[in-house]
Amino acid sequence: MSTLSSAVASLAVAAGLAGVLAEMPGGIANRQGPEFPLVALAWAQSKCGSALTARADTPRVHYDDYMRVSADYDERLARDGLSAACERAERIARKVSAN
């Protein structure tokens, strides 16, 4: 019976690790943490006047992630200036852009 319990426990741990290691919807991992192209797109539209639009099949982003990543873009704006922040946001946004 303990073999069955061990197997179930191992499966539970594996499932938990798979969930932790899975790529987040709409996010692309990089060395600085996840990037959210849809957030970059929305940020570029609001701050940079970008004409890019999202593809219809673009995964949506959870509100908490949107707020956190948008604040990261705002921090980059304050640190690096508008042109650098907009260039980065638009470069990332092109990954989900329809145009």
Protein backbone atom coordinates (compact mmCIF):
# COMPACT_ATOMS: atom_id res chain seq x y z
CA MET A 1 0.00 0.00 0.00
CA SER A 2 2.86 2.39 0.69
CA THR A 3 4.01 1.93 -2.90
CA LEU A 4 0.70 3.34 -4.12
CA SER A 5 1.00 6.26 -1.69
CA SER A 6 4.54 6.92 -2.87
CA ALA A 7 3.45 6.85 -6.49
CA VAL A 8 0.58 9.24 -5.83
CA ALA A 9 2.86 11.59 -3.89
CA SER A 10 5.42 11.52 -6.70
CA LEU A 11 2.73 12.32 -9.26
CA ALA A 12 1.47 15.21 -7.15
CA VAL A 13 4.97 16.67 -6.86
CA ALA A 14 5.58 16.23 -10.60
CA ALA A 15 2.27 17.91 -11.43
CA GLY A 16 3.11 20.81 -9.13
CA LEU A 17 6.53 21.26 -10.69
CA ALA A 18 5.06 21.10 -14.18
CA GLY A 19 2.66 23.90 -13.25
CA VAL A 20 5.45 26.03 -11.81
CA LEU A 21 7.76 25.48 -14.75
CA ALA A 22 5.12 25.90 -17.45
CA GLU A 23 5.23 29.05 -19.52
CA MET A 24 2.74 31.64 -18.39
CA PRO A 25 -0.06 32.42 -20.88
CA GLY A 26 0.86 35.45 -22.93
CA GLY A 27 4.28 35.61 -21.34
CA ILE A 28 7.72 34.90 -22.68
CA ALA A 29 10.47 34.16 -20.18
CA ASN A 30 13.73 36.03 -20.35
CA ARG A 31 16.63 36.56 -17.99
CA GLN A 32 14.83 39.47 -16.31
CA GLY A 33 11.56 37.62 -15.76
CA PRO A 34 8.48 37.11 -17.91
CA GLU A 35 7.62 39.53 -20.66
CA PHE A 36 4.00 40.03 -21.56
CA PRO A 37 3.70 41.10 -25.19
CA LEU A 38 0.04 42.02 -24.76
CA VAL A 39 0.93 44.33 -21.86
CA ALA A 40 3.76 45.81 -23.93
CA LEU A 41 1.26 46.42 -26.72
CA ALA A 42 -1.26 48.14 -24.46
CA TRP A 43 1.48 50.20 -22.83
CA ALA A 44 2.92 51.23 -26.22
CA GLN A 45 -0.54 52.20 -27.44
CA SER A 46 -1.21 54.39 -24.40
CA LYS A 47 2.24 55.94 -23.85
CA CYS A 48 3.82 55.92 -27.31
CA GLY A 49 0.87 56.33 -29.64
CA SER A 50 1.68 52.98 -31.24
CA ALA A 51 -0.54 51.87 -34.13
CA LEU A 52 0.11 48.17 -33.45
CA THR A 53 -2.94 45.99 -32.73
CA ALA A 54 -3.20 42.53 -31.19
CA ARG A 55 -3.94 39.38 -33.17
CA ALA A 56 -7.29 37.79 -32.36
CA ASP A 57 -5.64 34.63 -30.98
CA THR A 58 -3.44 36.48 -28.47
CA PRO A 59 -3.76 34.99 -24.97
CA ARG A 60 -5.19 37.43 -22.47
CA VAL A 61 -3.28 38.56 -19.39
CA HIS A 62 -4.48 38.41 -15.79
CA TYR A 63 -5.16 41.85 -14.30
CA ASP A 64 -2.50 41.47 -11.57
CA ASP A 65 0.14 40.60 -14.17
CA TYR A 66 -0.98 43.51 -16.33
CA MET A 67 -0.61 45.99 -13.47
CA ARG A 68 2.77 44.60 -12.36
CA VAL A 69 4.30 44.53 -15.83
CA SER A 70 2.83 47.92 -16.75
CA ALA A 71 4.51 49.35 -13.65
CA ASP A 72 7.78 47.81 -14.85
CA TYR A 73 7.40 49.63 -18.18
CA ASP A 74 6.65 52.87 -16.30
CA GLU A 75 9.82 52.36 -14.27
CA ARG A 76 11.80 51.83 -17.48
CA LEU A 77 10.27 55.03 -18.86
CA ALA A 78 11.44 57.00 -15.83
CA ARG A 79 14.89 55.42 -15.92
CA ASP A 80 15.69 55.28 -19.66
CA GLY A 81 13.40 57.88 -21.23
CA LEU A 82 10.46 57.71 -23.59
CA SER A 83 12.22 56.67 -26.79
CA ALA A 84 14.06 53.73 -25.18
CA ALA A 85 10.98 52.55 -23.28
CA CYS A 86 8.78 52.80 -26.37
CA GLU A 87 11.32 51.01 -28.56
CA ARG A 88 11.47 48.10 -26.12
CA ALA A 89 7.69 47.92 -25.63
CA GLU A 90 7.02 47.97 -29.37
CA ARG A 91 9.72 45.36 -30.04
CA ILE A 92 8.10 43.02 -27.52
CA ALA A 93 4.57 43.90 -28.70
CA ARG A 94 5.39 42.82 -32.27
CA LYS A 95 5.31 39.22 -31.04
CA VAL A 96 1.50 39.46 -30.77
CA SER A 97 0.87 42.19 -33.34
CA ALA A 98 -1.56 41.77 -36.22
CA ASN A 99 0.15 44.45 -38.31
